[in-house]
C-alpha atoms as a PDB file:
ATOM      1  CA  UNK A   1     101.945  58.359 -37.055  1.00  0.00           C
ATOM      2  CA  UNK A   2     100.654  60.389 -40.039  1.00  0.00           C
ATOM      3  CA  UNK A   3      96.829  61.802 -40.150  1.00  0.00           C
ATOM      4  CA  UNK A   4      96.671  59.807 -43.239  1.00  0.00           C
ATOM      5  CA  UNK A   5      97.944  56.765 -41.816  1.00  0.00           C
ATOM      6  CA  UNK A   6      95.786  57.065 -38.703  1.00  0.00           C
ATOM      7  CA  UNK A   7      92.489  57.468 -40.845  1.00  0.00           C
ATOM      8  CA  UNK A   8      93.803  54.505 -42.531  1.00  0.00           C
ATOM      9  CA  UNK A   9      93.982  52.286 -39.463  1.00  0.00           C
ATOM     10  CA  UNK A  10      90.713  53.407 -38.567  1.00  0.00           C
ATOM     11  CA  UNK A  11      88.908  52.226 -41.401  1.00  0.00           C
ATOM     12  CA  UNK A  12      90.831  48.585 -40.710  1.00  0.00           C
ATOM     13  CA  UNK A  13      89.615  48.272 -37.629  1.00  0.00           C
ATOM     14  CA  UNK A  14      86.703  50.156 -36.858  1.00  0.00           C
ATOM     15  CA  UNK A  15      83.363  49.159 -36.508  1.00  0.00           C
ATOM     16  CA  UNK A  16      82.853  49.452 -39.995  1.00  0.00           C
ATOM     17  CA  UNK A  17      85.485  47.223 -41.008  1.00  0.00           C
ATOM     18  CA  UNK A  18      85.207  43.613 -38.900  1.00  0.00           C
ATOM     19  CA  UNK A  19      81.305  43.522 -37.553  1.00  0.00           C
ATOM     20  CA  UNK A  20      79.776  45.102 -41.040  1.00  0.00           C
ATOM     21  CA  UNK A  21      80.731  45.706 -44.602  1.00  0.00           C
ATOM     22  CA  UNK A  22      79.927  48.446 -46.726  1.00  0.00           C
ATOM     23  CA  UNK A  23      77.077  47.676 -48.894  1.00  0.00           C
ATOM     24  CA  UNK A  24      77.885  47.964 -52.798  1.00  0.00           C
ATOM     25  CA  UNK A  25      74.934  48.921 -55.591  1.00  0.00           C
ATOM     26  CA  UNK A  26      74.875  45.842 -58.094  1.00  0.00           C
ATOM     27  CA  UNK A  27      75.764  46.753 -61.496  1.00  0.00           C
ATOM     28  CA  UNK A  28      73.891  48.838 -63.508  1.00  0.00           C
ATOM     29  CA  UNK A  29      71.111  48.807 -60.606  1.00  0.00           C
ATOM     30  CA  UNK A  30      71.536  52.863 -60.882  1.00  0.00           C
ATOM     31  CA  UNK A  31      72.530  55.208 -63.603  1.00  0.00           C
ATOM     32  CA  UNK A  32      74.004  58.581 -62.899  1.00  0.00           C
ATOM     33  CA  UNK A  33      72.761  61.800 -65.039  1.00  0.00           C
ATOM     34  CA  UNK A  34      75.321  63.123 -66.836  1.00  0.00           C
ATOM     35  CA  UNK A  35      74.078  66.394 -66.854  1.00  0.00           C
ATOM     36  CA  UNK A  36      73.579  67.154 -63.677  1.00  0.00           C
ATOM     37  CA  UNK A  37      74.707  64.360 -61.723  1.00  0.00           C
ATOM     38  CA  UNK A  38      71.728  62.947 -60.068  1.00  0.00           C
ATOM     39  CA  UNK A  39      71.383  58.847 -59.334  1.00  0.00           C
ATOM     40  CA  UNK A  40      68.329  56.922 -60.784  1.00  0.00           C
ATOM     41  CA  UNK A  41      67.365  54.049 -60.405  1.00  0.00           C
ATOM     42  CA  UNK A  42      67.659  52.194 -63.335  1.00  0.00           C
ATOM     43  CA  UNK A  43      63.691  51.241 -64.204  1.00  0.00           C
ATOM     44  CA  UNK A  44      62.672  54.306 -63.098  1.00  0.00           C
ATOM     45  CA  UNK A  45      64.434  55.382 -65.878  1.00  0.00           C
ATOM     46  CA  UNK A  46      63.892  53.294 -67.926  1.00  0.00           C
ATOM     47  CA  UNK A  47      60.580  53.959 -67.610  1.00  0.00           C
ATOM     48  CA  UNK A  48      60.879  57.561 -67.975  1.00  0.00           C
ATOM     49  CA  UNK A  49      62.533  56.836 -71.605  1.00  0.00           C
ATOM     50  CA  UNK A  50      66.252  57.470 -71.036  1.00  0.00           C
ATOM     51  CA  UNK A  51      65.261  61.069 -69.493  1.00  0.00           C
ATOM     52  CA  UNK A  52      66.468  61.841 -66.389  1.00  0.00           C
ATOM     53  CA  UNK A  53      63.851  62.836 -63.905  1.00  0.00           C
ATOM     54  CA  UNK A  54      65.551  65.511 -61.993  1.00  0.00           C
ATOM     55  CA  UNK A  55      67.105  67.841 -65.191  1.00  0.00           C
ATOM     56  CA  UNK A  56      65.459  66.025 -68.265  1.00  0.00           C
ATOM     57  CA  UNK A  57      68.473  65.436 -70.003  1.00  0.00           C
ATOM     58  CA  UNK A  58      67.498  63.146 -72.368  1.00  0.00           C
ATOM     59  CA  UNK A  59      70.064  60.410 -72.229  1.00  0.00           C
ATOM     60  CA  UNK A  60      71.703  58.294 -75.534  1.00  0.00           C
ATOM     61  CA  UNK A  61      69.697  55.621 -76.443  1.00  0.00           C
ATOM     62  CA  UNK A  62      70.610  52.604 -79.109  1.00  0.00           C
ATOM     63  CA  UNK A  63      68.766  51.783 -81.645  1.00  0.00           C
ATOM     64  CA  UNK A  64      66.967  48.001 -79.805  1.00  0.00           C
ATOM     65  CA  UNK A  65      65.432  50.629 -76.849  1.00  0.00           C
ATOM     66  CA  UNK A  66      64.408  52.749 -79.744  1.00  0.00           C
ATOM     67  CA  UNK A  67      62.739  50.598 -81.435  1.00  0.00           C
ATOM     68  CA  UNK A  68      60.897  49.567 -78.477  1.00  0.00           C
ATOM     69  CA  UNK A  69      59.920  52.996 -77.471  1.00  0.00           C
ATOM     70  CA  UNK A  70      58.550  53.548 -80.429  1.00  0.00           C
ATOM     71  CA  UNK A  71      56.943  50.488 -82.174  1.00  0.00           C
ATOM     72  CA  UNK A  72      53.561  48.492 -79.914  1.00  0.00           C
ATOM     73  CA  UNK A  73      55.465  45.097 -78.544  1.00  0.00           C
ATOM     74  CA  UNK A  74      55.669  42.114 -81.075  1.00  0.00           C
ATOM     75  CA  UNK A  75      55.244  43.786 -84.315  1.00  0.00           C
ATOM     76  CA  UNK A  76      58.583  44.731 -85.273  1.00  0.00           C
ATOM     77  CA  UNK A  77      59.329  42.855 -88.663  1.00  0.00           C
ATOM     78  CA  UNK A  78      62.838  43.477 -89.587  1.00  0.00           C
ATOM     79  CA  UNK A  79      64.073  44.038 -93.032  1.00  0.00           C
ATOM     80  CA  UNK A  80      67.535  43.151 -94.647  1.00  0.00           C
ATOM     81  CA  UNK A  81      69.079  42.352 -91.340  1.00  0.00           C
ATOM     82  CA  UNK A  82      71.911  40.015 -93.403  1.00  0.00           C
ATOM     83  CA  UNK A  83      73.081  42.806 -95.374  1.00  0.00           C
ATOM     84  CA  UNK A  84      76.808  43.065 -94.758  1.00  0.00           C
ATOM     85  CA  UNK A  85      79.491  46.002 -95.425  1.00  0.00           C
ATOM     86  CA  UNK A  86      82.049  44.690 -96.836  1.00  0.00           C
ATOM     87  CA  UNK A  87      85.924  47.025 -97.333  1.00  0.00           C
ATOM     88  CA  UNK A  88      86.121  47.948-101.399  1.00  0.00           C
ATOM     89  CA  UNK A  89      89.217  50.767-101.710  1.00  0.00           C
ATOM     90  CA  UNK A  90      91.057  48.009 -98.270  1.00  0.00           C
ATOM     91  CA  UNK A  91      91.421  50.968 -96.389  1.00  0.00           C
ATOM     92  CA  UNK A  92      93.361  51.380 -93.781  1.00  0.00           C
ATOM     93  CA  UNK A  93      94.360  54.031 -90.937  1.00  0.00           C
ATOM     94  CA  UNK A  94      95.343  52.232 -87.442  1.00  0.00           C
ATOM     95  CA  UNK A  95      93.709  49.971 -88.364  1.00  0.00           C
ATOM     96  CA  UNK A  96      92.060  48.141 -91.503  1.00  0.00           C
ATOM     97  CA  UNK A  97      88.641  48.936 -92.151  1.00  0.00           C
ATOM     98  CA  UNK A  98      87.862  45.044 -92.247  1.00  0.00           C
ATOM     99  CA  UNK A  99      89.358  44.563 -88.710  1.00  0.00           C
ATOM    100  CA  UNK A 100      87.022  47.436 -87.659  1.00  0.00           C
ATOM    101  CA  UNK A 101      84.152  46.563 -88.698  1.00  0.00           C
ATOM    102  CA  UNK A 102      84.224  42.445 -86.964  1.00  0.00           C
ATOM    103  CA  UNK A 103      85.755  44.750 -83.254  1.00  0.00           C
ATOM    104  CA  UNK A 104      82.207  47.043 -83.194  1.00  0.00           C
ATOM    105  CA  UNK A 105      79.607  44.061 -85.077  1.00  0.00           C
ATOM    106  CA  UNK A 106      81.368  41.920 -82.129  1.00  0.00           C
ATOM    107  CA  UNK A 107      81.063  45.201 -80.148  1.00  0.00           C
ATOM    108  CA  UNK A 108      77.323  45.631 -80.722  1.00  0.00           C
ATOM    109  CA  UNK A 109      75.957  42.824 -81.833  1.00  0.00           C
ATOM    110  CA  UNK A 110      74.633  44.552 -85.171  1.00  0.00           C
ATOM    111  CA  UNK A 111      75.853  44.622 -88.794  1.00  0.00           C
ATOM    112  CA  UNK A 112      76.061  47.572 -89.097  1.00  0.00           C
ATOM    113  CA  UNK A 113      75.091  51.504 -88.299  1.00  0.00           C
ATOM    114  CA  UNK A 114      70.941  51.076 -88.465  1.00  0.00           C
ATOM    115  CA  UNK A 115      68.227  48.651 -88.476  1.00  0.00           C
ATOM    116  CA  UNK A 116      65.435  48.680 -90.499  1.00  0.00           C
ATOM    117  CA  UNK A 117      61.738  47.381 -90.552  1.00  0.00           C
ATOM    118  CA  UNK A 118      58.352  47.439 -90.218  1.00  0.00           C
ATOM    119  CA  UNK A 119      55.589  47.698 -87.606  1.00  0.00           C
ATOM    120  CA  UNK A 120      53.044  48.836 -85.364  1.00  0.00           C
ATOM    121  CA  UNK A 121      52.751  52.227 -83.904  1.00  0.00           C
ATOM    122  CA  UNK A 122      50.283  53.005 -81.470  1.00  0.00           C
ATOM    123  CA  UNK A 123      48.287  50.630 -84.098  1.00  0.00           C
ATOM    124  CA  UNK A 124      49.331  52.172 -87.336  1.00  0.00           C
ATOM    125  CA  UNK A 125      51.568  50.523 -89.607  1.00  0.00           C
ATOM    126  CA  UNK A 126      54.743  52.624 -90.498  1.00  0.00           C
ATOM    127  CA  UNK A 127      58.149  51.891 -91.604  1.00  0.00           C
ATOM    128  CA  UNK A 128      61.069  52.894 -89.437  1.00  0.00           C
ATOM    129  CA  UNK A 129      65.137  52.865 -89.349  1.00  0.00           C
ATOM    130  CA  UNK A 130      67.168  53.619 -86.427  1.00  0.00           C
ATOM    131  CA  UNK A 131      70.853  54.558 -86.823  1.00  0.00           C
ATOM    132  CA  UNK A 132      72.778  53.504 -84.215  1.00  0.00           C
ATOM    133  CA  UNK A 133      75.640  55.353 -82.591  1.00  0.00           C
ATOM    134  CA  UNK A 134      77.281  52.376 -80.922  1.00  0.00           C
ATOM    135  CA  UNK A 135      78.410  51.979 -84.289  1.00  0.00           C
ATOM    136  CA  UNK A 136      81.416  53.780 -85.911  1.00  0.00           C
ATOM    137  CA  UNK A 137      79.144  56.866 -84.676  1.00  0.00           C
ATOM    138  CA  UNK A 138      76.367  55.981 -86.552  1.00  0.00           C
ATOM    139  CA  UNK A 139      78.565  56.636 -90.138  1.00  0.00           C
ATOM    140  CA  UNK A 140      76.532  56.703 -93.192  1.00  0.00           C
ATOM    141  CA  UNK A 141      78.827  53.732 -95.371  1.00  0.00           C
ATOM    142  CA  UNK A 142      77.018  51.270 -98.072  1.00  0.00           C
ATOM    143  CA  UNK A 143      75.212  49.072 -96.014  1.00  0.00           C
ATOM    144  CA  UNK A 144      73.583  51.619 -94.078  1.00  0.00           C
ATOM    145  CA  UNK A 145      72.098  53.779 -97.310  1.00  0.00           C
ATOM    146  CA  UNK A 146      71.075  50.880 -99.082  1.00  0.00           C
ATOM    147  CA  UNK A 147      69.109  49.264 -95.645  1.00  0.00           C
ATOM    148  CA  UNK A 148      67.144  52.746 -95.446  1.00  0.00           C
ATOM    149  CA  UNK A 149      67.124  53.083 -99.423  1.00  0.00           C
ATOM    150  CA  UNK A 150      64.985  49.056 -99.686  1.00  0.00           C
ATOM    151  CA  UNK A 151      62.902  50.770 -96.492  1.00  0.00           C
ATOM    152  CA  UNK A 152      61.643  54.071 -98.397  1.00  0.00           C
ATOM    153  CA  UNK A 153      60.602  51.673-101.225  1.00  0.00           C
ATOM    154  CA  UNK A 154      59.087  48.585 -98.840  1.00  0.00           C
ATOM    155  CA  UNK A 155      57.301  52.046 -97.586  1.00  0.00           C
ATOM    156  CA  UNK A 156      56.476  53.666-101.021  1.00  0.00           C
ATOM    157  CA  UNK A 157      54.623  50.100-102.256  1.00  0.00           C
ATOM    158  CA  UNK A 158      53.213  49.657 -99.129  1.00  0.00           C
ATOM    159  CA  UNK A 159      52.020  53.065 -98.459  1.00  0.00           C
ATOM    160  CA  UNK A 160      53.005  53.341 -94.884  1.00  0.00           C
ATOM    161  CA  UNK A 161      54.647  56.804 -93.564  1.00  0.00           C
ATOM    162  CA  UNK A 162      58.735  56.388 -92.528  1.00  0.00           C
ATOM    163  CA  UNK A 163      60.270  57.180 -89.659  1.00  0.00           C
ATOM    164  CA  UNK A 164      64.097  57.471 -89.904  1.00  0.00           C
ATOM    165  CA  UNK A 165      65.428  57.736 -86.294  1.00  0.00           C
ATOM    166  CA  UNK A 166      68.682  59.926 -86.956  1.00  0.00           C
ATOM    167  CA  UNK A 167      71.650  59.914 -84.922  1.00  0.00           C
ATOM    168  CA  UNK A 168      75.441  59.761 -86.687  1.00  0.00           C
ATOM    169  CA  UNK A 169      78.358  61.968 -87.262  1.00  0.00           C
ATOM    170  CA  UNK A 170      77.673  61.730 -91.402  1.00  0.00           C
ATOM    171  CA  UNK A 171      79.303  59.744 -94.136  1.00  0.00           C
ATOM    172  CA  UNK A 172      82.250  57.113 -93.341  1.00  0.00           C
ATOM    173  CA  UNK A 173      85.271  58.167 -95.049  1.00  0.00           C
ATOM    174  CA  UNK A 174      86.400  54.037 -94.896  1.00  0.00           C
ATOM    175  CA  UNK A 175      84.445  53.742 -98.064  1.00  0.00           C
ATOM    176  CA  UNK A 176      84.919  57.416 -99.839  1.00  0.00           C
ATOM    177  CA  UNK A 177      82.622  58.448-103.028  1.00  0.00           C
ATOM    178  CA  UNK A 178      80.353  55.106-101.933  1.00  0.00           C
ATOM    179  CA  UNK A 179      79.800  56.724 -98.948  1.00  0.00           C
ATOM    180  CA  UNK A 180      78.965  60.028-100.900  1.00  0.00           C
ATOM    181  CA  UNK A 181      76.448  58.547-103.340  1.00  0.00           C
ATOM    182  CA  UNK A 182      74.338  57.101-100.570  1.00  0.00           C
ATOM    183  CA  UNK A 183      72.954  60.504 -99.953  1.00  0.00           C
ATOM    184  CA  UNK A 184      71.867  61.363-103.169  1.00  0.00           C
ATOM    185  CA  UNK A 185      70.354  57.658-103.279  1.00  0.00           C
ATOM    186  CA  UNK A 186      68.708  57.595-100.565  1.00  0.00           C
ATOM    187  CA  UNK A 187      66.976  61.161-101.822  1.00  0.00           C
ATOM    188  CA  UNK A 188      65.732  60.440-104.482  1.00  0.00           C
ATOM    189  CA  UNK A 189      64.187  57.399-102.782  1.00  0.00           C
ATOM    190  CA  UNK A 190      62.731  59.827-100.872  1.00  0.00           C
ATOM    191  CA  UNK A 191      62.032  61.529-103.365  1.00  0.00           C
ATOM    192  CA  UNK A 192      59.411  59.073-105.358  1.00  0.00           C
ATOM    193  CA  UNK A 193      57.747  58.565-102.116  1.00  0.00           C
ATOM    194  CA  UNK A 194      56.752  62.394-101.582  1.00  0.00           C
ATOM    195  CA  UNK A 195      55.329  61.800-105.543  1.00  0.00           C
ATOM    196  CA  UNK A 196      53.147  58.869-104.271  1.00  0.00           C
ATOM    197  CA  UNK A 197      51.450  61.637-101.535  1.00  0.00           C
ATOM    198  CA  UNK A 198      53.376  59.760 -98.544  1.00  0.00           C
ATOM    199  CA  UNK A 199      54.159  60.781 -94.742  1.00  0.00           C
ATOM    200  CA  UNK A 200      58.304  61.091 -94.186  1.00  0.00           C
ATOM    201  CA  UNK A 201      59.360  62.049 -91.007  1.00  0.00           C
ATOM    202  CA  UNK A 202      63.552  62.084 -89.891  1.00  0.00           C
ATOM    203  CA  UNK A 203      63.435  62.640 -86.081  1.00  0.00           C
ATOM    204  CA  UNK A 204      67.203  64.199 -85.631  1.00  0.00           C
ATOM    205  CA  UNK A 205      68.553  63.324 -81.901  1.00  0.00           C
ATOM    206  CA  UNK A 206      71.999  63.948 -80.969  1.00  0.00           C
ATOM    207  CA  UNK A 207      74.024  63.934 -82.908  1.00  0.00           C
ATOM    208  CA  UNK A 208      73.492  64.687 -86.405  1.00  0.00           C
ATOM    209  CA  UNK A 209      75.700  66.070 -88.547  1.00  0.00           C
ATOM    210  CA  UNK A 210      77.594  65.405 -91.833  1.00  0.00           C
ATOM    211  CA  UNK A 211      76.338  64.324 -95.658  1.00  0.00           C
ATOM    212  CA  UNK A 212      73.597  62.362 -92.635  1.00  0.00           C
ATOM    213  CA  UNK A 213      72.241  66.523 -92.171  1.00  0.00           C
ATOM    214  CA  UNK A 214      72.864  66.979 -95.669  1.00  0.00           C
ATOM    215  CA  UNK A 215      70.445  64.192 -97.359  1.00  0.00           C
ATOM    216  CA  UNK A 216      67.022  62.494 -95.872  1.00  0.00           C
ATOM    217  CA  UNK A 217      67.748  64.295 -91.989  1.00  0.00           C
ATOM    218  CA  UNK A 218      66.562  67.462 -93.501  1.00  0.00           C
ATOM    219  CA  UNK A 219      63.854  65.948 -96.489  1.00  0.00           C
ATOM    220  CA  UNK A 220      61.254  65.330 -94.033  1.00  0.00           C
ATOM    221  CA  UNK A 221      57.886  66.630 -94.344  1.00  0.00           C
ATOM    222  CA  UNK A 222      57.873  67.096 -90.920  1.00  0.00           C
ATOM    223  CA  UNK A 223      61.195  67.655 -89.235  1.00  0.00           C
ATOM    224  CA  UNK A 224      61.029  66.482 -85.229  1.00  0.00           C
ATOM    225  CA  UNK A 225      64.387  66.987 -82.904  1.00  0.00           C
ATOM    226  CA  UNK A 226      64.995  66.128 -78.887  1.00  0.00           C
ATOM    227  CA  UNK A 227      65.863  68.485 -76.630  1.00  0.00           C
ATOM    228  CA  UNK A 228      69.278  70.491 -77.057  1.00  0.00           C
ATOM    229  CA  UNK A 229      70.049  67.758 -80.211  1.00  0.00           C
ATOM    230  CA  UNK A 230      73.300  69.251 -81.756  1.00  0.00           C
ATOM    231  CA  UNK A 231      72.411  68.958 -85.706  1.00  0.00           C
ATOM    232  CA  UNK A 232      74.111  70.795 -87.983  1.00  0.00           C
ATOM    233  CA  UNK A 233      76.656  69.744 -90.952  1.00  0.00           C
ATOM    234  CA  UNK A 234      80.465  70.982 -90.244  1.00  0.00           C
ATOM    235  CA  UNK A 235      81.985  70.944 -86.294  1.00  0.00           C
ATOM    236  CA  UNK A 236      81.560  73.634 -83.814  1.00  0.00           C
ATOM    237  CA  UNK A 237      85.986  74.211 -84.399  1.00  0.00           C
ATOM    238  CA  UNK A 238      85.780  74.216 -88.109  1.00  0.00           C
ATOM    239  CA  UNK A 239      83.312  76.614 -88.739  1.00  0.00           C
ATOM    240  CA  UNK A 240      84.662  79.096 -86.404  1.00  0.00           C
ATOM    241  CA  UNK A 241      88.573  78.480 -87.649  1.00  0.00           C
ATOM    242  CA  UNK A 242      86.990  79.085 -90.631  1.00  0.00           C
ATOM    243  CA  UNK A 243      84.720  82.514 -90.197  1.00  0.00           C
ATOM    244  CA  UNK A 244      87.478  83.571 -87.370  1.00  0.00           C
ATOM    245  CA  UNK A 245      84.649  84.595 -85.040  1.00  0.00           C
ATOM    246  CA  UNK A 246      83.379  83.082 -81.940  1.00  0.00           C
ATOM    247  CA  UNK A 247      80.076  81.181 -82.772  1.00  0.00           C
ATOM    248  CA  UNK A 248      76.910  81.983 -79.702  1.00  0.00           C
ATOM    249  CA  UNK A 249      76.574  78.901 -76.866  1.00  0.00           C
ATOM    250  CA  UNK A 250      73.642  77.227 -78.405  1.00  0.00           C
ATOM    251  CA  UNK A 251      75.103  76.786 -81.940  1.00  0.00           C
ATOM    252  CA  UNK A 252      73.122  74.074 -83.791  1.00  0.00           C
ATOM    253  CA  UNK A 253      70.885  72.984 -81.167  1.00  0.00           C
ATOM    254  CA  UNK A 254      67.701  71.770 -81.642  1.00  0.00           C
ATOM    255  CA  UNK A 255      66.334  75.155 -80.451  1.00  0.00           C
ATOM    256  CA  UNK A 256      68.250  77.158 -82.339  1.00  0.00           C
ATOM    257  CA  UNK A 257      67.597  75.571 -85.472  1.00  0.00           C
ATOM    258  CA  UNK A 258      63.583  75.643 -84.058  1.00  0.00           C
ATOM    259  CA  UNK A 259      64.397  79.222 -84.203  1.00  0.00           C
ATOM    260  CA  UNK A 260      65.764  79.737 -87.810  1.00  0.00           C
ATOM    261  CA  UNK A 261      63.019  77.367 -89.710  1.00  0.00           C
ATOM    262  CA  UNK A 262      65.033  73.985 -89.590  1.00  0.00           C
ATOM    263  CA  UNK A 263      62.861  71.834 -87.732  1.00  0.00           C
ATOM    264  CA  UNK A 264      58.912  71.773 -87.294  1.00  0.00           C
ATOM    265  CA  UNK A 265      59.412  71.006 -83.452  1.00  0.00           C
ATOM    266  CA  UNK A 266      60.950  70.027 -80.690  1.00  0.00           C
ATOM    267  CA  UNK A 267      59.200  66.710 -78.975  1.00  0.00           C
ATOM    268  CA  UNK A 268      60.883  65.274 -75.735  1.00  0.00           C
ATOM    269  CA  UNK A 269      61.228  61.634 -75.876  1.00  0.00           C
ATOM    270  CA  UNK A 270      58.408  60.567 -73.355  1.00  0.00           C
ATOM    271  CA  UNK A 271      55.813  62.505 -75.677  1.00  0.00           C
ATOM    272  CA  UNK A 272      57.173  61.522 -79.083  1.00  0.00           C
ATOM    273  CA  UNK A 273      54.801  57.794 -79.785  1.00  0.00           C
ATOM    274  CA  UNK A 274      51.889  59.925 -79.141  1.00  0.00           C
ATOM    275  CA  UNK A 275      53.226  62.733 -81.087  1.00  0.00           C
ATOM    276  CA  UNK A 276      53.909  61.034 -84.125  1.00  0.00           C
ATOM    277  CA  UNK A 277      50.565  58.400 -83.718  1.00  0.00           C
ATOM    278  CA  UNK A 278      48.736  61.973 -83.523  1.00  0.00           C
ATOM    279  CA  UNK A 279      50.682  63.166 -87.167  1.00  0.00           C
ATOM    280  CA  UNK A 280      50.491  60.304 -88.759  1.00  0.00           C
ATOM    281  CA  UNK A 281      46.622  60.161 -88.031  1.00  0.00           C
ATOM    282  CA  UNK A 282      46.408  63.924 -89.379  1.00  0.00           C
ATOM    283  CA  UNK A 283      48.091  63.004 -92.854  1.00  0.00           C
ATOM    284  CA  UNK A 284      46.282  59.577 -93.646  1.00  0.00           C
ATOM    285  CA  UNK A 285      44.463  59.615 -96.710  1.00  0.00           C
ATOM    286  CA  UNK A 286      40.885  59.669 -95.204  1.00  0.00           C
ATOM    287  CA  UNK A 287      37.946  58.526 -98.397  1.00  0.00           C
ATOM    288  CA  UNK A 288      35.192  60.392 -98.196  1.00  0.00           C
ATOM    289  CA  UNK A 289      31.926  58.465 -97.212  1.00  0.00           C
ATOM    290  CA  UNK A 290      29.845  58.256-100.356  1.00  0.00           C
ATOM    291  CA  UNK A 291      26.650  59.828 -98.125  1.00  0.00           C
ATOM    292  CA  UNK A 292      28.642  62.705 -97.854  1.00  0.00           C
ATOM    293  CA  UNK A 293      30.130  62.993-100.773  1.00  0.00           C
ATOM    294  CA  UNK A 294      29.636  66.448-102.831  1.00  0.00           C
ATOM    295  CA  UNK A 295      27.844  65.068-106.262  1.00  0.00           C
ATOM    296  CA  UNK A 296      28.023  68.041-108.925  1.00  0.00           C
ATOM    297  CA  UNK A 297      24.781  68.783-110.900  1.00  0.00           C
ATOM    298  CA  UNK A 298      24.527  66.963-113.956  1.00  0.00           C
ATOM    299  CA  UNK A 299      25.424  69.710-116.782  1.00  0.00           C
ATOM    300  CA  UNK A 300      23.024  70.640-119.467  1.00  0.00           C
ATOM    301  CA  UNK A 301      22.902  69.085-123.588  1.00  0.00           C
ATOM    302  CA  UNK A 302      24.183  72.499-124.557  1.00  0.00           C
ATOM    303  CA  UNK A 303      27.253  72.225-122.455  1.00  0.00           C
ATOM    304  CA  UNK A 304      28.431  68.884-123.641  1.00  0.00           C
ATOM    305  CA  UNK A 305      27.489  69.496-127.425  1.00  0.00           C
ATOM    306  CA  UNK A 306      28.794  71.682-129.870  1.00  0.00           C
ATOM    307  CA  UNK A 307      26.106  74.019-131.564  1.00  0.00           C
END
């Protein structure tokens, strides 16, 4: 009998086999950190905003959970939920674009890769867009561009701040030029928002790349990133092959971009909501009370009337 067979028989006839059963862990009860490997009780992890309690790694979260983290309870009002993508180019690779859309819609229960709406953040009204990486890598197609543009225009009309949580691989190649034009469309809406002297804050999460980085992700009044997020335009391998040199290990990390002035702050997820509330309060237009207003003295008649 081999040693392997002996151990197999011990498992079958040993005290752990017949008298007791191995304890089973319920599916979803525990979560293993992909960075440090530590098991954490899922309830505790969710209470910590999906940030590993051991190493501080920011586990990827999706649109529903992100909305729960940022928006006050029972204050979320979705916008343009009915918008659905089509296949104007009849694009086909290994399968048709239409089939891909249906597959991801069934898998994620989303119509496309972004959720938009309004709500309260610590009692402050905001317009919020949250990209969802589950839906074709958060790629920006016509519906994503249209929903974000409408969100910004709604915020401009109602004079409230815009916050967009970015998580994307870039423009959606299956829509060709129709996808690329969304960059200019969203940027134009943001320029009108800026001209109205209203606040826009993008939050760059892991990953934020491609056409999203090349447009609205970098147009914020204050640009916030999550720790260790990958942020860039072209991929690391493409850049290394083009330049024919090895890039630093922290290249395209949030920390490297902060060092070079491309982002304004790196904010841990556990402090994100309070930080956003503080920024919104600081930038809110506050009228000067009449009692404290500085009233200029009246000009003499000689300064008003010509000689």
